[in-house]
Amino acid sequence: LLAEEGIQAELSLLNGQLTEKKKLYDADVQAFRDSEKLKILEVGEGTEEAEAIKAAT
């Protein structure tokens, strides 16, 4: 029973670490997408793609 509790505690800890890593990854992905949107807006001012991004944000 004690070993099972230890395993549960370790799983819980690992799950928490994964959740944190996923949050950081998601934030990185969002930052990358935002930077790509900015590039398109700067380079393609007035293009269909730039206008679509402006409309979506």
PDB file of N, CA and C in Angstrom:
ATOM      1  N   LEU A   1       0.840  -1.210   0.000  1.00  0.00           N
ATOM      2  CA  LEU A   1       0.000   0.000   0.000  1.00  0.00           C
ATOM      3  C   LEU A   1       0.873   1.258   0.000  1.00  0.00           C
ATOM      4  N   LEU A   2       1.934   1.228   0.802  1.00  0.00           N
ATOM      5  CA  LEU A   2       2.825   2.391   0.840  1.00  0.00           C
ATOM      6  C   LEU A   2       3.498   2.625  -0.506  1.00  0.00           C
ATOM      7  N   ALA A   3       3.907   1.519  -1.142  1.00  0.00           N
ATOM      8  CA  ALA A   3       4.546   1.637  -2.460  1.00  0.00           C
ATOM      9  C   ALA A   3       3.563   2.227  -3.467  1.00  0.00           C
ATOM     10  N   GLU A   4       2.307   1.807  -3.369  1.00  0.00           N
ATOM     11  CA  GLU A   4       1.281   2.312  -4.287  1.00  0.00           C
ATOM     12  C   GLU A   4       1.078   3.817  -4.093  1.00  0.00           C
ATOM     13  N   GLU A   5       1.073   4.253  -2.837  1.00  0.00           N
ATOM     14  CA  GLU A   5       0.926   5.687  -2.558  1.00  0.00           C
ATOM     15  C   GLU A   5       2.119   6.471  -3.105  1.00  0.00           C
ATOM     16  N   GLY A   6       3.304   5.886  -2.972  1.00  0.00           N
ATOM     17  CA  GLY A   6       4.514   6.526  -3.499  1.00  0.00           C
ATOM     18  C   GLY A   6       4.449   6.666  -5.008  1.00  0.00           C
ATOM     19  N   ILE A   7       3.967   5.616  -5.664  1.00  0.00           N
ATOM     20  CA  ILE A   7       3.826   5.650  -7.124  1.00  0.00           C
ATOM     21  C   ILE A   7       2.800   6.702  -7.517  1.00  0.00           C
ATOM     22  N   GLN A   8       1.693   6.761  -6.798  1.00  0.00           N
ATOM     23  CA  GLN A   8       0.656   7.758  -7.086  1.00  0.00           C
ATOM     24  C   GLN A   8       1.207   9.171  -6.919  1.00  0.00           C
ATOM     25  N   ALA A   9       1.980   9.382  -5.860  1.00  0.00           N
ATOM     26  CA  ALA A   9       2.566  10.703  -5.615  1.00  0.00           C
ATOM     27  C   ALA A   9       3.533  11.072  -6.738  1.00  0.00           C
ATOM     28  N   GLU A  10       4.331  10.095  -7.169  1.00  0.00           N
ATOM     29  CA  GLU A  10       5.288  10.357  -8.247  1.00  0.00           C
ATOM     30  C   GLU A  10       4.565  10.650  -9.564  1.00  0.00           C
ATOM     31  N   LEU A  11       3.517   9.888  -9.844  1.00  0.00           N
ATOM     32  CA  LEU A  11       2.722  10.133 -11.055  1.00  0.00           C
ATOM     33  C   LEU A  11       2.109  11.522 -11.022  1.00  0.00           C
ATOM     34  N   SER A  12       1.628  11.903  -9.862  1.00  0.00           N
ATOM     35  CA  SER A  12       1.021  13.221  -9.708  1.00  0.00           C
ATOM     36  C   SER A  12       2.059  14.317  -9.965  1.00  0.00           C
ATOM     37  N   LEU A  13       3.250  14.124  -9.434  1.00  0.00           N
ATOM     38  CA  LEU A  13       4.339  15.080  -9.632  1.00  0.00           C
ATOM     39  C   LEU A  13       4.720  15.175 -11.109  1.00  0.00           C
ATOM     40  N   LEU A  14       4.876  14.010 -11.757  1.00  0.00           N
ATOM     41  CA  LEU A  14       5.225  13.995 -13.182  1.00  0.00           C
ATOM     42  C   LEU A  14       4.138  14.649 -14.015  1.00  0.00           C
ATOM     43  N   ASN A  15       2.897  14.392 -13.664  1.00  0.00           N
ATOM     44  CA  ASN A  15       1.774  14.987 -14.378  1.00  0.00           C
ATOM     45  C   ASN A  15       1.819  16.513 -14.254  1.00  0.00           C
ATOM     46  N   GLY A  16       2.133  16.993 -13.066  1.00  0.00           N
ATOM     47  CA  GLY A  16       2.260  18.435 -12.847  1.00  0.00           C
ATOM     48  C   GLY A  16       3.380  19.033 -13.682  1.00  0.00           C
ATOM     49  N   GLN A  17       4.505  18.320 -13.754  1.00  0.00           N
ATOM     50  CA  GLN A  17       5.637  18.794 -14.557  1.00  0.00           C
ATOM     51  C   GLN A  17       5.273  18.838 -16.039  1.00  0.00           C
ATOM     52  N   LEU A  18       4.566  17.800 -16.504  1.00  0.00           N
ATOM     53  CA  LEU A  18       4.140  17.773 -17.907  1.00  0.00           C
ATOM     54  C   LEU A  18       3.190  18.919 -18.209  1.00  0.00           C
ATOM     55  N   THR A  19       2.291  19.181 -17.283  1.00  0.00           N
ATOM     56  CA  THR A  19       1.332  20.274 -17.462  1.00  0.00           C
ATOM     57  C   THR A  19       2.075  21.601 -17.599  1.00  0.00           C
ATOM     58  N   GLU A  20       3.072  21.813 -16.744  1.00  0.00           N
ATOM     59  CA  GLU A  20       3.862  23.048 -16.812  1.00  0.00           C
ATOM     60  C   GLU A  20       4.617  23.149 -18.135  1.00  0.00           C
ATOM     61  N   LYS A  21       5.227  22.030 -18.561  1.00  0.00           N
ATOM     62  CA  LYS A  21       5.967  22.041 -19.830  1.00  0.00           C
ATOM     63  C   LYS A  21       5.030  22.329 -20.992  1.00  0.00           C
ATOM     64  N   LYS A  22       3.826  21.776 -20.934  1.00  0.00           N
ATOM     65  CA  LYS A  22       2.861  22.014 -22.009  1.00  0.00           C
ATOM     66  C   LYS A  22       2.459  23.488 -22.037  1.00  0.00           C
ATOM     67  N   LYS A  23       2.287  24.099 -20.866  1.00  0.00           N
ATOM     68  CA  LYS A  23       1.952  25.530 -20.816  1.00  0.00           C
ATOM     69  C   LYS A  23       3.056  26.361 -21.467  1.00  0.00           C
ATOM     70  N   LEU A  24       4.312  26.030 -21.151  1.00  0.00           N
ATOM     71  CA  LEU A  24       5.447  26.753 -21.735  1.00  0.00           C
ATOM     72  C   LEU A  24       5.500  26.543 -23.243  1.00  0.00           C
ATOM     73  N   TYR A  25       5.280  25.292 -23.663  1.00  0.00           N
ATOM     74  CA  TYR A  25       5.277  24.983 -25.095  1.00  0.00           C
ATOM     75  C   TYR A  25       4.171  25.758 -25.803  1.00  0.00           C
ATOM     76  N   ASP A  26       2.967  25.732 -25.231  1.00  0.00           N
ATOM     77  CA  ASP A  26       1.838  26.450 -25.832  1.00  0.00           C
ATOM     78  C   ASP A  26       2.131  27.949 -25.938  1.00  0.00           C
ATOM     79  N   ALA A  27       2.771  28.499 -24.909  1.00  0.00           N
ATOM     80  CA  ALA A  27       3.125  29.924 -24.928  1.00  0.00           C
ATOM     81  C   ALA A  27       4.157  30.200 -26.027  1.00  0.00           C
ATOM     82  N   ASP A  28       5.131  29.287 -26.183  1.00  0.00           N
ATOM     83  CA  ASP A  28       6.127  29.437 -27.250  1.00  0.00           C
ATOM     84  C   ASP A  28       5.470  29.381 -28.624  1.00  0.00           C
ATOM     85  N   VAL A  29       4.560  28.433 -28.791  1.00  0.00           N
ATOM     86  CA  VAL A  29       3.859  28.294 -30.071  1.00  0.00           C
ATOM     87  C   VAL A  29       3.064  29.563 -30.369  1.00  0.00           C
ATOM     88  N   GLN A  30       2.379  30.074 -29.351  1.00  0.00           N
ATOM     89  CA  GLN A  30       1.579  31.285 -29.550  1.00  0.00           C
ATOM     90  C   GLN A  30       2.474  32.477 -29.897  1.00  0.00           C
ATOM     91  N   ALA A  31       3.601  32.590 -29.218  1.00  0.00           N
ATOM     92  CA  ALA A  31       4.537  33.685 -29.502  1.00  0.00           C
ATOM     93  C   ALA A  31       5.065  33.574 -30.932  1.00  0.00           C
ATOM     94  N   PHE A  32       5.367  32.353 -31.362  1.00  0.00           N
ATOM     95  CA  PHE A  32       5.841  32.143 -32.730  1.00  0.00           C
ATOM     96  C   PHE A  32       4.761  32.544 -33.729  1.00  0.00           C
ATOM     97  N   ARG A  33       3.536  32.096 -33.485  1.00  0.00           N
ATOM     98  CA  ARG A  33       2.434  32.441 -34.391  1.00  0.00           C
ATOM     99  C   ARG A  33       2.239  33.952 -34.453  1.00  0.00           C
ATOM    100  N   ASP A  34       2.299  34.596 -33.292  1.00  0.00           N
ATOM    101  CA  ASP A  34       2.143  36.055 -33.255  1.00  0.00           C
ATOM    102  C   ASP A  34       3.249  36.741 -34.057  1.00  0.00           C
ATOM    103  N   SER A  35       4.485  36.256 -33.914  1.00  0.00           N
ATOM    104  CA  SER A  35       5.599  36.871 -34.648  1.00  0.00           C
ATOM    105  C   SER A  35       5.434  36.647 -36.150  1.00  0.00           C
ATOM    106  N   GLU A  36       4.941  35.484 -36.532  1.00  0.00           N
ATOM    107  CA  GLU A  36       4.704  35.214 -37.955  1.00  0.00           C
ATOM    108  C   GLU A  36       3.599  36.121 -38.493  1.00  0.00           C
ATOM    109  N   LYS A  37       2.557  36.327 -37.688  1.00  0.00           N
ATOM    110  CA  LYS A  37       1.472  37.224 -38.103  1.00  0.00           C
ATOM    111  C   LYS A  37       2.012  38.636 -38.309  1.00  0.00           C
ATOM    112  N   LEU A  38       2.871  39.081 -37.387  1.00  0.00           N
ATOM    113  CA  LEU A  38       3.453  40.421 -37.513  1.00  0.00           C
ATOM    114  C   LEU A  38       4.277  40.546 -38.787  1.00  0.00           C
ATOM    115  N   LYS A  39       5.073  39.495 -39.086  1.00  0.00           N
ATOM    116  CA  LYS A  39       5.885  39.520 -40.308  1.00  0.00           C
ATOM    117  C   LYS A  39       4.990  39.661 -41.531  1.00  0.00           C
ATOM    118  N   ILE A  40       3.919  38.884 -41.564  1.00  0.00           N
ATOM    119  CA  ILE A  40       3.005  38.935 -42.711  1.00  0.00           C
ATOM    120  C   ILE A  40       2.366  40.312 -42.804  1.00  0.00           C
ATOM    121  N   LEU A  41       1.989  40.860 -41.661  1.00  0.00           N
ATOM    122  CA  LEU A  41       1.364  42.184 -41.668  1.00  0.00           C
ATOM    123  C   LEU A  41       2.340  43.258 -42.142  1.00  0.00           C
ATOM    124  N   GLU A  42       3.610  43.149 -41.693  1.00  0.00           N
ATOM    125  CA  GLU A  42       4.609  44.149 -42.085  1.00  0.00           C
ATOM    126  C   GLU A  42       4.964  44.033 -43.566  1.00  0.00           C
ATOM    127  N   VAL A  43       5.180  42.807 -44.012  1.00  0.00           N
ATOM    128  CA  VAL A  43       5.627  42.577 -45.387  1.00  0.00           C
ATOM    129  C   VAL A  43       4.467  42.689 -46.372  1.00  0.00           C
ATOM    130  N   GLY A  44       3.322  42.164 -45.959  1.00  0.00           N
ATOM    131  CA  GLY A  44       2.227  42.049 -46.912  1.00  0.00           C
ATOM    132  C   GLY A  44       1.090  43.012 -46.675  1.00  0.00           C
ATOM    133  N   GLU A  45       1.403  44.204 -46.232  1.00  0.00           N
ATOM    134  CA  GLU A  45       0.357  45.203 -45.981  1.00  0.00           C
ATOM    135  C   GLU A  45      -0.554  45.323 -47.200  1.00  0.00           C
ATOM    136  N   GLY A  46      -1.848  45.122 -46.968  1.00  0.00           N
ATOM    137  CA  GLY A  46      -2.806  45.241 -48.058  1.00  0.00           C
ATOM    138  C   GLY A  46      -3.054  43.949 -48.817  1.00  0.00           C
ATOM    139  N   THR A  47      -2.250  42.911 -48.528  1.00  0.00           N
ATOM    140  CA  THR A  47      -2.489  41.641 -49.215  1.00  0.00           C
ATOM    141  C   THR A  47      -3.655  40.921 -48.561  1.00  0.00           C
ATOM    142  N   GLU A  48      -4.186  39.951 -49.284  1.00  0.00           N
ATOM    143  CA  GLU A  48      -5.334  39.194 -48.787  1.00  0.00           C
ATOM    144  C   GLU A  48      -5.005  38.513 -47.456  1.00  0.00           C
ATOM    145  N   GLU A  49      -3.809  37.918 -47.380  1.00  0.00           N
ATOM    146  CA  GLU A  49      -3.410  37.199 -46.168  1.00  0.00           C
ATOM    147  C   GLU A  49      -3.312  38.156 -44.979  1.00  0.00           C
ATOM    148  N   ALA A  50      -2.702  39.306 -45.188  1.00  0.00           N
ATOM    149  CA  ALA A  50      -2.560  40.296 -44.119  1.00  0.00           C
ATOM    150  C   ALA A  50      -3.931  40.794 -43.676  1.00  0.00           C
ATOM    151  N   GLU A  51      -4.811  41.025 -44.629  1.00  0.00           N
ATOM    152  CA  GLU A  51      -6.161  41.494 -44.291  1.00  0.00           C
ATOM    153  C   GLU A  51      -6.927  40.429 -43.510  1.00  0.00           C
ATOM    154  N   ALA A  52      -6.731  39.166 -43.871  1.00  0.00           N
ATOM    155  CA  ALA A  52      -7.404  38.065 -43.169  1.00  0.00           C
ATOM    156  C   ALA A  52      -6.922  37.977 -41.726  1.00  0.00           C
ATOM    157  N   ILE A  53      -5.620  38.180 -41.526  1.00  0.00           N
ATOM    158  CA  ILE A  53      -5.067  38.144 -40.169  1.00  0.00           C
ATOM    159  C   ILE A  53      -5.602  39.318 -39.357  1.00  0.00           C
ATOM    160  N   LYS A  54      -5.638  40.491 -39.951  1.00  0.00           N
ATOM    161  CA  LYS A  54      -6.180  41.657 -39.243  1.00  0.00           C
ATOM    162  C   LYS A  54      -7.620  41.413 -38.823  1.00  0.00           C
ATOM    163  N   ALA A  55      -8.398  40.821 -39.714  1.00  0.00           N
ATOM    164  CA  ALA A  55      -9.807  40.561 -39.427  1.00  0.00           C
ATOM    165  C   ALA A  55      -9.962  39.541 -38.300  1.00  0.00           C
ATOM    166  N   ALA A  56      -9.014  38.598 -38.211  1.00  0.00           N
ATOM    167  CA  ALA A  56      -9.117  37.527 -37.217  1.00  0.00           C
ATOM    168  C   ALA A  56      -8.604  37.948 -35.846  1.00  0.00           C
ATOM    169  N   THR A  57      -7.834  39.043 -35.776  1.00  0.00           N
ATOM    170  CA  THR A  57      -7.245  39.428 -34.485  1.00  0.00           C
ATOM    171  C   THR A  57      -7.917  40.648 -33.910  1.00  0.00           C
TER     172      THR A  57
END
